[in-house]
C-alpha atoms as a PDB file:
ATOM      1  CA  MET A   1      76.931  94.847  87.831  1.00  0.00           C
ATOM      2  CA  ILE A   2      79.113  96.036  90.679  1.00  0.00           C
ATOM      3  CA  GLU A   3      77.924  99.453  91.859  1.00  0.00           C
ATOM      4  CA  GLY A   4      80.144 102.195  93.261  1.00  0.00           C
ATOM      5  CA  SER A   5      79.760 105.749  94.510  1.00  0.00           C
ATOM      6  CA  CYS A   6      81.211 108.558  96.565  1.00  0.00           C
ATOM      7  CA  TYR A   7      80.078 109.406 100.101  1.00  0.00           C
ATOM      8  CA  CYS A   8      77.527 112.056  99.061  1.00  0.00           C
ATOM      9  CA  GLY A   9      76.184 110.164  96.022  1.00  0.00           C
ATOM     10  CA  ALA A  10      77.111 112.830  93.474  1.00  0.00           C
ATOM     11  CA  VAL A  11      79.385 110.297  91.738  1.00  0.00           C
ATOM     12  CA  LYS A  12      77.884 106.936  90.775  1.00  0.00           C
ATOM     13  CA  PHE A  13      79.402 104.294  88.543  1.00  0.00           C
ATOM     14  CA  ALA A  14      79.295 100.574  87.859  1.00  0.00           C
ATOM     15  CA  LEU A  15      81.694  97.835  86.838  1.00  0.00           C
ATOM     16  CA  LYS A  16      80.545  95.258  84.289  1.00  0.00           C
ATOM     17  CA  ALA A  17      83.015  92.677  85.618  1.00  0.00           C
ATOM     18  CA  GLU A  18      84.812  91.764  88.818  1.00  0.00           C
ATOM     19  CA  PRO A  19      88.124  93.588  89.329  1.00  0.00           C
ATOM     20  CA  SER A  20      91.225  91.674  88.282  1.00  0.00           C
ATOM     21  CA  MET A  21      93.121  92.263  91.527  1.00  0.00           C
ATOM     22  CA  MET A  22      92.982  93.924  94.951  1.00  0.00           C
ATOM     23  CA  GLY A  23      95.967  95.244  96.867  1.00  0.00           C
ATOM     24  CA  THR A  24      96.919  97.603  99.661  1.00  0.00           C
ATOM     25  CA  CYS A  25      99.516 100.327  99.360  1.00  0.00           C
ATOM     26  CA  HIS A  26     101.050 101.602 102.587  1.00  0.00           C
ATOM     27  CA  CYS A  27     102.955 104.584 101.124  1.00  0.00           C
ATOM     28  CA  SER A  28     102.307 107.963 102.731  1.00  0.00           C
ATOM     29  CA  ARG A  29     100.579 109.341  99.608  1.00  0.00           C
ATOM     30  CA  CYS A  30      97.969 106.573  99.490  1.00  0.00           C
ATOM     31  CA  ARG A  31      97.392 106.803 103.235  1.00  0.00           C
ATOM     32  CA  LYS A  32      96.926 110.599 103.031  1.00  0.00           C
ATOM     33  CA  ALA A  33      94.480 110.190 100.138  1.00  0.00           C
ATOM     34  CA  GLY A  34      92.462 107.727 102.218  1.00  0.00           C
ATOM     35  CA  ALA A  35      92.629 105.103  99.494  1.00  0.00           C
ATOM     36  CA  SER A  36      95.181 102.508 100.525  1.00  0.00           C
ATOM     37  CA  THR A  37      93.208  99.459  99.361  1.00  0.00           C
ATOM     38  CA  ILE A  38      92.667  99.502  95.628  1.00  0.00           C
ATOM     39  CA  ILE A  39      91.078  97.307  93.001  1.00  0.00           C
ATOM     40  CA  PHE A  40      92.252  97.094  89.409  1.00  0.00           C
ATOM     41  CA  VAL A  41      89.568  97.498  86.747  1.00  0.00           C
ATOM     42  CA  LYS A  42      89.510  97.532  82.978  1.00  0.00           C
ATOM     43  CA  ARG A  43      88.574 100.815  81.320  1.00  0.00           C
ATOM     44  CA  ASP A  44      85.944  99.059  79.175  1.00  0.00           C
ATOM     45  CA  ASP A  45      84.263  97.630  82.296  1.00  0.00           C
ATOM     46  CA  LEU A  46      83.632 101.065  83.863  1.00  0.00           C
ATOM     47  CA  PHE A  47      80.188 102.573  83.264  1.00  0.00           C
ATOM     48  CA  TRP A  48      79.203 106.030  84.546  1.00  0.00           C
ATOM     49  CA  HIS A  49      75.706 106.480  85.990  1.00  0.00           C
ATOM     50  CA  GLN A  50      76.302 110.102  86.983  1.00  0.00           C
ATOM     51  CA  GLY A  51      78.846 112.578  88.261  1.00  0.00           C
ATOM     52  CA  ARG A  52      81.851 112.021  85.979  1.00  0.00           C
ATOM     53  CA  ASP A  53      82.003 115.817  85.690  1.00  0.00           C
ATOM     54  CA  ASN A  54      82.018 116.009  89.499  1.00  0.00           C
ATOM     55  CA  VAL A  55      85.333 114.125  89.723  1.00  0.00           C
ATOM     56  CA  ALA A  56      88.438 116.268  90.217  1.00  0.00           C
ATOM     57  CA  LEU A  57      91.975 115.160  89.394  1.00  0.00           C
ATOM     58  CA  TYR A  58      94.915 116.150  91.584  1.00  0.00           C
ATOM     59  CA  HIS A  59      98.235 116.240  89.675  1.00  0.00           C
ATOM     60  CA  PRO A  60     101.182 115.658  92.041  1.00  0.00           C
ATOM     61  CA  GLU A  61     104.573 117.298  91.846  1.00  0.00           C
ATOM     62  CA  PRO A  62     107.499 115.223  90.479  1.00  0.00           C
ATOM     63  CA  PRO A  63     108.869 112.709  91.233  1.00  0.00           C
ATOM     64  CA  HIS A  64     105.333 111.402  91.802  1.00  0.00           C
ATOM     65  CA  LYS A  65     103.491 110.630  88.592  1.00  0.00           C
ATOM     66  CA  TYR A  66     100.079 109.195  89.434  1.00  0.00           C
ATOM     67  CA  GLY A  67      97.162 111.583  89.719  1.00  0.00           C
ATOM     68  CA  ARG A  68      94.447 111.039  92.304  1.00  0.00           C
ATOM     69  CA  CYS A  69      90.757 111.529  91.666  1.00  0.00           C
ATOM     70  CA  PHE A  70      88.187 112.611  94.210  1.00  0.00           C
ATOM     71  CA  CYS A  71      84.594 113.863  94.384  1.00  0.00           C
ATOM     72  CA  LYS A  72      84.458 117.661  94.173  1.00  0.00           C
ATOM     73  CA  SER A  73      81.511 117.759  96.601  1.00  0.00           C
ATOM     74  CA  CYS A  74      82.461 115.429  99.455  1.00  0.00           C
ATOM     75  CA  GLY A  75      86.146 114.664  98.823  1.00  0.00           C
ATOM     76  CA  THR A  76      85.786 110.878  98.604  1.00  0.00           C
ATOM     77  CA  SER A  77      88.989 109.445  97.173  1.00  0.00           C
ATOM     78  CA  LEU A  78      88.311 107.483  93.975  1.00  0.00           C
ATOM     79  CA  GLY A  79      91.796 106.329  92.982  1.00  0.00           C
ATOM     80  CA  GLU A  80      92.601 106.837  89.291  1.00  0.00           C
ATOM     81  CA  ILE A  81      89.036 106.504  88.010  1.00  0.00           C
ATOM     82  CA  LEU A  82      89.576 109.051  85.189  1.00  0.00           C
ATOM     83  CA  SER A  83      92.611 107.203  83.808  1.00  0.00           C
ATOM     84  CA  ASP A  84      92.972 106.615  80.071  1.00  0.00           C
ATOM     85  CA  GLU A  85      94.998 103.450  80.713  1.00  0.00           C
ATOM     86  CA  GLU A  86      93.613 100.040  79.718  1.00  0.00           C
ATOM     87  CA  THR A  87      93.660  98.938  83.383  1.00  0.00           C
ATOM     88  CA  PHE A  88      93.835 101.232  86.392  1.00  0.00           C
ATOM     89  CA  PRO A  89      93.253 101.268  90.165  1.00  0.00           C
ATOM     90  CA  ILE A  90      90.236 102.700  91.908  1.00  0.00           C
ATOM     91  CA  ALA A  91      89.632 102.934  95.644  1.00  0.00           C
ATOM     92  CA  ALA A  92      88.046  99.741  96.975  1.00  0.00           C
ATOM     93  CA  HIS A  93      86.089 101.715  99.571  1.00  0.00           C
ATOM     94  CA  ALA A  94      84.076 103.363  96.755  1.00  0.00           C
ATOM     95  CA  ILE A  95      82.464 100.012  95.865  1.00  0.00           C
ATOM     96  CA  ASP A  96      78.949  99.476  97.249  1.00  0.00           C
ATOM     97  CA  THR A  97      78.251  95.930  96.005  1.00  0.00           C
ATOM     98  CA  PRO A  98      79.787  92.970  97.873  1.00  0.00           C
ATOM     99  CA  MET A  99      82.699  91.430  95.953  1.00  0.00           C
ATOM    100  CA  VAL A 100      84.354  88.015  96.199  1.00  0.00           C
ATOM    101  CA  ILE A 101      87.854  89.379  95.476  1.00  0.00           C
ATOM    102  CA  ARG A 102      90.253  89.586  98.415  1.00  0.00           C
ATOM    103  CA  ASN A 103      93.495  91.432  99.065  1.00  0.00           C
ATOM    104  CA  GLN A 104      96.365  89.886  97.103  1.00  0.00           C
ATOM    105  CA  PHE A 105      99.331  92.095  98.010  1.00  0.00           C
ATOM    106  CA  HIS A 106     100.718  94.775 100.307  1.00  0.00           C
ATOM    107  CA  GLU A 107     103.225  97.212  98.812  1.00  0.00           C
ATOM    108  CA  HIS A 108     105.444  99.818 100.485  1.00  0.00           C
ATOM    109  CA  VAL A 109     105.207  97.981 103.800  1.00  0.00           C
ATOM    110  CA  ALA A 110     108.431  99.736 104.840  1.00  0.00           C
ATOM    111  CA  ASP A 111     106.351 102.936 105.005  1.00  0.00           C
ATOM    112  CA  LYS A 112     103.360 101.588 106.910  1.00  0.00           C
ATOM    113  CA  PRO A 113     102.680 103.189 110.281  1.00  0.00           C
ATOM    114  CA  ASP A 114     103.626 101.264 113.415  1.00  0.00           C
ATOM    115  CA  TRP A 115     100.000 101.115 114.558  1.00  0.00           C
ATOM    116  CA  TYR A 116      98.874  99.213 111.451  1.00  0.00           C
ATOM    117  CA  GLU A 117      99.173  95.433 111.648  1.00  0.00           C
ATOM    118  CA  ILE A 118      98.919  93.410 108.447  1.00  0.00           C
ATOM    119  CA  ALA A 119      96.602  90.560 109.395  1.00  0.00           C
ATOM    120  CA  ASP A 120      96.143  88.662 106.128  1.00  0.00           C
ATOM    121  CA  GLN A 121      98.356  86.242 104.232  1.00  0.00           C
ATOM    122  CA  ALA A 122      98.743  88.431 101.108  1.00  0.00           C
ATOM    123  CA  GLY A 123     102.259  88.865  99.733  1.00  0.00           C
ATOM    124  CA  GLN A 124     104.301  91.818 100.967  1.00  0.00           C
ATOM    125  CA  SER A 125     106.956  94.001  99.379  1.00  0.00           C
ATOM    126  CA  GLU A 126     109.059  96.747 100.944  1.00  0.00           C
ATOM    127  CA  GLY A 127     108.425  99.024  97.936  1.00  0.00           C
ATOM    128  CA  ASP A 128     106.867  98.478  94.528  1.00  0.00           C
ATOM    129  CA  PRO A 129     106.051  94.811  93.862  1.00  0.00           C
ATOM    130  CA  ALA A 130     108.394  92.941  91.533  1.00  0.00           C
END
């Protein structure tokens, strides 16, 4: 099992399988949420230990469509952990167990700040990946 949690420990969950993919989004929304690097998990692989009721969902204004989840107590960004989709992204920084998966893409690199240097060989796209 791959264990995950928020900063304060109010939210604890596990993944029954390795994520299918890891990527980094450089758009301003992901940077502001503090969750630029994400992993993609299957809904059936997510198991809640505690704190599902302590996860809040922020609904953005159009044209943005993806909600962002965070711990109500400490504010840790959790990606889209409450999603009903078959596969969805969660924040990689919420994972406590070492993983073998590595970053596979960078999206919205046109929006990345000048001070951030991409230092891996993962594919890059100016906006959404093709």
